[in-house]
N, C-alpha and C. Protein backbone atom coordinates (compact mmCIF):
# COMPACT_ATOMS: atom_id res chain seq x y z
N UNK A 1 13.09 -24.20 8.17
CA UNK A 1 13.82 -24.18 6.91
C UNK A 1 14.53 -22.84 6.77
N UNK A 2 15.80 -22.89 6.43
CA UNK A 2 16.57 -21.67 6.21
C UNK A 2 16.25 -21.09 4.85
N UNK A 3 16.14 -19.79 4.80
CA UNK A 3 15.92 -19.10 3.54
C UNK A 3 17.00 -18.06 3.36
N UNK A 4 17.43 -17.88 2.14
CA UNK A 4 18.40 -16.83 1.88
C UNK A 4 17.66 -15.60 1.35
N UNK A 5 18.22 -14.46 1.58
CA UNK A 5 17.65 -13.23 1.07
C UNK A 5 18.78 -12.26 0.78
N UNK A 6 18.46 -11.25 0.03
CA UNK A 6 19.46 -10.24 -0.27
C UNK A 6 18.79 -8.88 -0.33
N UNK A 7 19.58 -7.86 -0.21
CA UNK A 7 19.08 -6.49 -0.32
C UNK A 7 19.03 -6.14 -1.80
N UNK A 8 17.93 -5.56 -2.22
CA UNK A 8 17.79 -5.20 -3.63
C UNK A 8 17.71 -3.70 -3.77
N UNK A 9 17.97 -3.24 -4.96
CA UNK A 9 17.88 -1.81 -5.25
C UNK A 9 16.42 -1.40 -5.37
N UNK A 10 16.15 -0.16 -4.99
CA UNK A 10 14.81 0.38 -5.14
C UNK A 10 14.62 0.97 -6.52
N UNK A 11 13.46 1.60 -6.76
CA UNK A 11 13.21 2.24 -8.05
C UNK A 11 14.27 3.30 -8.35
N UNK A 12 14.38 3.74 -9.60
CA UNK A 12 15.43 4.69 -9.99
C UNK A 12 15.44 5.98 -9.17
N UNK A 13 14.30 6.43 -8.71
CA UNK A 13 14.21 7.68 -7.97
C UNK A 13 14.48 7.49 -6.49
N UNK A 14 14.53 6.26 -5.99
CA UNK A 14 14.64 5.98 -4.55
C UNK A 14 16.02 6.32 -4.02
N UNK A 15 16.07 7.09 -2.94
CA UNK A 15 17.34 7.53 -2.37
C UNK A 15 17.66 6.85 -1.03
N UNK A 16 16.96 5.79 -0.69
CA UNK A 16 17.24 5.08 0.55
C UNK A 16 16.76 5.81 1.78
N UNK A 17 15.50 6.22 1.78
CA UNK A 17 14.93 6.94 2.92
C UNK A 17 14.82 6.02 4.13
N UNK A 18 14.41 6.59 5.23
CA UNK A 18 14.20 5.83 6.45
C UNK A 18 13.18 4.73 6.18
N UNK A 19 13.50 3.50 6.56
CA UNK A 19 12.61 2.39 6.24
C UNK A 19 11.25 2.53 6.91
N UNK A 20 11.16 3.25 8.02
CA UNK A 20 9.86 3.44 8.67
C UNK A 20 8.96 4.36 7.86
N UNK A 21 9.54 5.21 7.03
CA UNK A 21 8.76 6.11 6.19
C UNK A 21 8.52 5.55 4.80
N UNK A 22 9.09 4.40 4.50
CA UNK A 22 8.96 3.82 3.17
C UNK A 22 7.68 3.01 3.10
N UNK A 23 6.92 3.21 2.04
CA UNK A 23 5.61 2.59 1.89
C UNK A 23 5.66 1.55 0.78
N UNK A 24 5.86 0.30 1.14
CA UNK A 24 5.80 -0.80 0.18
C UNK A 24 4.44 -1.47 0.30
N UNK A 25 4.03 -2.16 -0.75
CA UNK A 25 2.82 -2.96 -0.71
C UNK A 25 2.98 -4.11 -1.68
N UNK A 26 2.20 -5.16 -1.47
CA UNK A 26 2.14 -6.25 -2.43
C UNK A 26 0.89 -6.05 -3.26
N UNK A 27 1.07 -5.84 -4.55
CA UNK A 27 -0.05 -5.62 -5.45
C UNK A 27 -0.05 -6.72 -6.49
N UNK A 28 -1.09 -7.52 -6.49
CA UNK A 28 -1.20 -8.65 -7.42
C UNK A 28 0.03 -9.54 -7.37
N UNK A 29 0.55 -9.78 -6.18
CA UNK A 29 1.69 -10.67 -6.02
C UNK A 29 3.04 -10.05 -6.33
N UNK A 30 3.09 -8.76 -6.61
CA UNK A 30 4.35 -8.09 -6.92
C UNK A 30 4.61 -6.98 -5.91
N UNK A 31 5.88 -6.70 -5.70
CA UNK A 31 6.27 -5.63 -4.80
C UNK A 31 6.02 -4.28 -5.47
N UNK A 32 5.35 -3.38 -4.76
CA UNK A 32 5.02 -2.07 -5.31
C UNK A 32 5.46 -0.98 -4.35
N UNK A 33 5.73 0.19 -4.92
CA UNK A 33 6.14 1.34 -4.12
C UNK A 33 5.57 2.61 -4.76
N UNK A 34 4.86 3.44 -3.99
CA UNK A 34 4.32 4.68 -4.55
C UNK A 34 5.38 5.78 -4.58
N UNK A 35 5.17 6.72 -5.48
CA UNK A 35 6.08 7.87 -5.62
C UNK A 35 5.22 9.07 -6.00
N UNK A 36 5.47 10.25 -5.39
CA UNK A 36 4.65 11.41 -5.74
C UNK A 36 4.85 11.80 -7.19
N UNK A 37 3.74 12.14 -7.84
CA UNK A 37 3.80 12.63 -9.21
C UNK A 37 4.33 14.05 -9.26
N UNK A 38 4.38 14.64 -10.45
CA UNK A 38 4.98 15.97 -10.64
C UNK A 38 4.37 17.06 -9.76
N UNK A 39 3.08 16.99 -9.49
CA UNK A 39 2.45 18.07 -8.72
C UNK A 39 1.95 17.61 -7.35
N UNK A 40 2.36 16.43 -6.91
CA UNK A 40 1.94 15.83 -5.64
C UNK A 40 0.45 15.58 -5.56
N UNK A 41 -0.28 15.77 -6.63
CA UNK A 41 -1.70 15.41 -6.67
C UNK A 41 -1.89 14.09 -7.42
N UNK A 42 -0.81 13.54 -7.91
CA UNK A 42 -0.83 12.24 -8.57
C UNK A 42 0.11 11.31 -7.82
N UNK A 43 -0.18 10.02 -7.88
CA UNK A 43 0.69 9.02 -7.29
C UNK A 43 1.11 8.05 -8.38
N UNK A 44 2.41 7.91 -8.56
CA UNK A 44 2.93 6.91 -9.49
C UNK A 44 3.15 5.62 -8.70
N UNK A 45 2.69 4.50 -9.23
CA UNK A 45 2.92 3.21 -8.60
C UNK A 45 3.98 2.47 -9.40
N UNK A 46 5.10 2.21 -8.75
CA UNK A 46 6.22 1.50 -9.37
C UNK A 46 6.19 0.06 -8.91
N UNK A 47 6.34 -0.87 -9.86
CA UNK A 47 6.29 -2.30 -9.57
C UNK A 47 7.66 -2.93 -9.84
N UNK A 48 8.01 -3.89 -9.01
CA UNK A 48 9.30 -4.57 -9.12
C UNK A 48 9.13 -5.86 -9.94
N UNK A 49 9.94 -6.01 -10.96
CA UNK A 49 9.93 -7.22 -11.78
C UNK A 49 11.08 -8.12 -11.38
N UNK A 50 10.90 -9.41 -11.53
CA UNK A 50 11.96 -10.41 -11.39
C UNK A 50 12.63 -10.38 -10.02
N UNK A 51 11.83 -10.37 -8.97
CA UNK A 51 12.38 -10.36 -7.62
C UNK A 51 13.08 -11.68 -7.30
N UNK A 52 12.54 -12.79 -7.79
CA UNK A 52 13.07 -14.09 -7.40
C UNK A 52 14.03 -14.69 -8.42
N UNK A 53 14.21 -14.06 -9.55
CA UNK A 53 15.11 -14.59 -10.57
C UNK A 53 16.56 -14.20 -10.31
N UNK A 54 17.43 -14.61 -11.22
CA UNK A 54 18.85 -14.29 -11.10
C UNK A 54 19.21 -12.97 -11.76
N UNK A 55 18.29 -12.40 -12.52
CA UNK A 55 18.55 -11.14 -13.21
C UNK A 55 18.47 -9.98 -12.22
N UNK A 56 19.11 -8.86 -12.54
CA UNK A 56 18.99 -7.68 -11.66
C UNK A 56 17.54 -7.22 -11.55
N UNK A 57 17.20 -6.70 -10.39
CA UNK A 57 15.84 -6.21 -10.16
C UNK A 57 15.53 -5.05 -11.09
N UNK A 58 14.33 -5.06 -11.67
CA UNK A 58 13.88 -3.96 -12.54
C UNK A 58 12.61 -3.37 -11.95
N UNK A 59 12.53 -2.05 -11.94
CA UNK A 59 11.34 -1.34 -11.48
C UNK A 59 10.73 -0.62 -12.67
N UNK A 60 9.41 -0.74 -12.82
CA UNK A 60 8.69 -0.07 -13.90
C UNK A 60 7.49 0.68 -13.34
N UNK A 61 7.25 1.86 -13.86
CA UNK A 61 6.05 2.60 -13.47
C UNK A 61 4.87 1.95 -14.18
N UNK A 62 3.89 1.48 -13.40
CA UNK A 62 2.75 0.77 -13.98
C UNK A 62 1.45 1.55 -13.92
N UNK A 63 1.27 2.33 -12.86
CA UNK A 63 0.01 3.03 -12.67
C UNK A 63 0.27 4.48 -12.29
N UNK A 64 -0.68 5.33 -12.61
CA UNK A 64 -0.68 6.70 -12.11
C UNK A 64 -2.09 6.95 -11.59
N UNK A 65 -2.20 7.25 -10.31
CA UNK A 65 -3.50 7.48 -9.69
C UNK A 65 -3.69 8.97 -9.44
N UNK A 66 -4.88 9.44 -9.71
CA UNK A 66 -5.23 10.84 -9.47
C UNK A 66 -5.65 10.99 -8.01
N UNK A 67 -4.66 10.98 -7.14
CA UNK A 67 -4.92 11.09 -5.71
C UNK A 67 -3.66 11.62 -5.04
N UNK A 68 -3.79 12.42 -3.99
CA UNK A 68 -2.60 12.97 -3.34
C UNK A 68 -1.64 11.88 -2.87
N UNK A 69 -0.37 12.19 -2.87
CA UNK A 69 0.66 11.21 -2.53
C UNK A 69 0.53 10.67 -1.11
N UNK A 70 -0.13 11.38 -0.24
CA UNK A 70 -0.21 10.95 1.15
C UNK A 70 -1.04 9.68 1.35
N UNK A 71 -1.60 9.13 0.28
CA UNK A 71 -2.33 7.87 0.40
C UNK A 71 -1.38 6.75 0.81
N UNK A 72 -1.92 5.69 1.40
CA UNK A 72 -1.12 4.52 1.80
C UNK A 72 -1.71 3.29 1.12
N UNK A 73 -0.91 2.64 0.29
CA UNK A 73 -1.35 1.43 -0.38
C UNK A 73 -1.59 0.33 0.65
N UNK A 74 -2.68 -0.41 0.48
CA UNK A 74 -2.98 -1.51 1.39
C UNK A 74 -2.94 -2.85 0.65
N UNK A 75 -3.70 -2.99 -0.45
CA UNK A 75 -3.77 -4.28 -1.15
C UNK A 75 -4.40 -4.08 -2.52
N UNK A 76 -4.36 -5.13 -3.33
CA UNK A 76 -5.09 -5.14 -4.59
C UNK A 76 -5.84 -6.45 -4.72
N UNK A 77 -6.92 -6.40 -5.45
CA UNK A 77 -7.73 -7.57 -5.77
C UNK A 77 -8.12 -7.43 -7.23
N UNK A 78 -7.53 -8.25 -8.09
CA UNK A 78 -7.73 -8.15 -9.53
C UNK A 78 -7.40 -6.73 -9.99
N UNK A 79 -8.38 -5.97 -10.48
CA UNK A 79 -8.13 -4.61 -10.94
C UNK A 79 -8.52 -3.55 -9.91
N UNK A 80 -8.69 -3.95 -8.66
CA UNK A 80 -9.06 -3.01 -7.61
C UNK A 80 -7.87 -2.74 -6.70
N UNK A 81 -7.75 -1.50 -6.24
CA UNK A 81 -6.71 -1.11 -5.30
C UNK A 81 -7.39 -0.63 -4.03
N UNK A 82 -6.90 -1.09 -2.88
CA UNK A 82 -7.39 -0.63 -1.59
C UNK A 82 -6.31 0.27 -1.00
N UNK A 83 -6.71 1.45 -0.55
CA UNK A 83 -5.75 2.38 0.03
C UNK A 83 -6.38 3.15 1.18
N UNK A 84 -5.53 3.71 2.03
CA UNK A 84 -5.97 4.55 3.13
C UNK A 84 -5.67 5.99 2.76
N UNK A 85 -6.64 6.87 2.97
CA UNK A 85 -6.41 8.28 2.64
C UNK A 85 -5.73 8.99 3.80
N UNK A 86 -5.62 10.31 3.69
CA UNK A 86 -4.91 11.09 4.70
C UNK A 86 -5.67 11.17 6.01
N UNK A 87 -6.95 10.88 5.98
CA UNK A 87 -7.74 10.94 7.21
C UNK A 87 -7.83 9.54 7.81
N UNK A 88 -9.01 8.97 7.78
CA UNK A 88 -9.18 7.68 8.44
C UNK A 88 -10.02 6.70 7.62
N UNK A 89 -10.10 6.91 6.33
CA UNK A 89 -10.94 6.04 5.49
C UNK A 89 -10.11 5.03 4.71
N UNK A 90 -10.66 3.83 4.57
CA UNK A 90 -10.15 2.86 3.60
C UNK A 90 -11.01 3.00 2.35
N UNK A 91 -10.36 3.07 1.20
CA UNK A 91 -11.04 3.25 -0.08
C UNK A 91 -10.74 2.09 -1.01
N UNK A 92 -11.69 1.82 -1.90
CA UNK A 92 -11.49 0.84 -2.96
C UNK A 92 -11.58 1.59 -4.28
N UNK A 93 -10.53 1.47 -5.09
CA UNK A 93 -10.51 2.13 -6.39
C UNK A 93 -10.62 1.09 -7.49
N UNK A 94 -11.58 1.31 -8.40
CA UNK A 94 -11.73 0.47 -9.58
C UNK A 94 -11.67 1.38 -10.80
N UNK A 95 -11.81 0.80 -11.96
CA UNK A 95 -11.83 1.62 -13.18
C UNK A 95 -13.04 2.55 -13.21
N UNK A 96 -14.06 2.23 -12.43
CA UNK A 96 -15.28 3.05 -12.39
C UNK A 96 -15.20 4.18 -11.37
N UNK A 97 -14.17 4.17 -10.52
CA UNK A 97 -14.04 5.23 -9.53
C UNK A 97 -13.71 4.70 -8.15
N UNK A 98 -13.87 5.58 -7.15
CA UNK A 98 -13.54 5.25 -5.77
C UNK A 98 -14.79 5.03 -4.94
N UNK A 99 -14.67 4.17 -3.93
CA UNK A 99 -15.77 3.93 -3.01
C UNK A 99 -15.19 3.75 -1.61
N UNK A 100 -15.74 4.48 -0.64
CA UNK A 100 -15.29 4.34 0.75
C UNK A 100 -15.71 2.98 1.27
N UNK A 101 -14.78 2.29 1.96
CA UNK A 101 -15.07 0.96 2.50
C UNK A 101 -15.31 0.99 4.00
N UNK A 102 -14.46 1.72 4.74
CA UNK A 102 -14.57 1.73 6.20
C UNK A 102 -13.87 2.95 6.76
N UNK A 103 -14.35 3.38 7.93
CA UNK A 103 -13.65 4.44 8.67
C UNK A 103 -12.80 3.76 9.73
N UNK A 104 -11.51 3.97 9.66
CA UNK A 104 -10.59 3.29 10.56
C UNK A 104 -10.80 3.68 12.02
N UNK A 105 -11.28 4.90 12.27
CA UNK A 105 -11.39 5.33 13.66
C UNK A 105 -12.69 4.89 14.34
N UNK A 106 -13.53 4.16 13.64
CA UNK A 106 -14.75 3.64 14.27
C UNK A 106 -14.83 2.12 14.15
N UNK A 107 -13.69 1.47 13.96
CA UNK A 107 -13.69 0.01 13.88
C UNK A 107 -14.01 -0.59 15.24
N UNK A 108 -14.78 -1.68 15.21
CA UNK A 108 -15.12 -2.40 16.43
C UNK A 108 -15.00 -3.89 16.14
N UNK A 109 -14.66 -4.65 17.15
CA UNK A 109 -14.56 -6.09 17.00
C UNK A 109 -15.43 -6.74 18.06
N UNK A 110 -16.33 -7.61 17.62
CA UNK A 110 -17.18 -8.34 18.56
C UNK A 110 -16.63 -9.75 18.71
N UNK A 111 -16.32 -10.14 19.93
CA UNK A 111 -15.84 -11.48 20.23
C UNK A 111 -17.02 -12.31 20.71
N UNK A 112 -17.54 -13.22 19.86
CA UNK A 112 -18.73 -13.98 20.25
C UNK A 112 -18.47 -14.94 21.42
N UNK A 113 -17.25 -15.43 21.57
CA UNK A 113 -16.94 -16.34 22.68
C UNK A 113 -16.99 -15.63 24.03
N UNK A 114 -16.55 -14.39 24.05
CA UNK A 114 -16.52 -13.63 25.30
C UNK A 114 -17.73 -12.72 25.46
N UNK A 115 -18.45 -12.48 24.36
CA UNK A 115 -19.58 -11.57 24.41
C UNK A 115 -19.16 -10.13 24.63
N UNK A 116 -17.96 -9.78 24.14
CA UNK A 116 -17.44 -8.43 24.35
C UNK A 116 -17.28 -7.69 23.03
N UNK A 117 -17.38 -6.39 23.12
CA UNK A 117 -17.17 -5.51 21.97
C UNK A 117 -15.94 -4.65 22.27
N UNK A 118 -14.95 -4.73 21.40
CA UNK A 118 -13.72 -3.97 21.58
C UNK A 118 -13.72 -2.83 20.58
N UNK A 119 -13.55 -1.61 21.04
CA UNK A 119 -13.45 -0.47 20.16
C UNK A 119 -11.98 -0.09 20.04
N UNK A 120 -11.52 0.09 18.81
CA UNK A 120 -10.14 0.43 18.56
C UNK A 120 -9.99 1.93 18.44
N UNK A 121 -9.01 2.47 19.13
CA UNK A 121 -8.74 3.89 18.97
C UNK A 121 -7.92 4.08 17.70
N UNK A 122 -7.84 5.30 17.21
CA UNK A 122 -7.07 5.59 15.99
C UNK A 122 -5.62 5.20 16.19
N UNK A 123 -5.07 5.40 17.36
CA UNK A 123 -3.67 5.05 17.62
C UNK A 123 -3.45 3.54 17.50
N UNK A 124 -4.44 2.75 17.85
CA UNK A 124 -4.30 1.29 17.79
C UNK A 124 -4.18 0.80 16.36
N UNK A 125 -5.01 1.30 15.44
CA UNK A 125 -5.00 0.78 14.06
C UNK A 125 -3.98 1.48 13.19
N UNK A 126 -3.47 2.59 13.61
CA UNK A 126 -2.48 3.30 12.80
C UNK A 126 -1.16 2.64 12.98
C-alpha cells in the first residue's frame, strides 16, 4: 500500500541540525524531541500535536526533566519515561524518582534453540 508523507517543521527552537544528531522519540503515541534547558542540567521535552491532521504542526513544551541534556529518550509507558544516560544505563523515571533498569554494556542474549550465549559489546548496542 502506498502512503504519502510530508516534511514537517520542527519545534520553534529547531534549526535543522544533522538528522543523525537529532533525537526524536515516540512518547505515549506522540512525536517528542528533547531540548537542553537554560543551564543544560534540565531537559525540555517538546511534543508534536496534530501530526496526522490537516492543520499546521504545533509543538508544545510538555515536560521538564531535572537531568543533563545528554540523556537519550527511549520510550514511555503511561507516566513513566525510559531513557539512556551519558554512560551505559537505561533508566526508568516516574513521579517517585529514577530507577536503573539495565546496563547496556553487559547485555547478553541466550538462544535456547542453539544453546548459545551472545554478549553484546557497547559498540553493538550503541
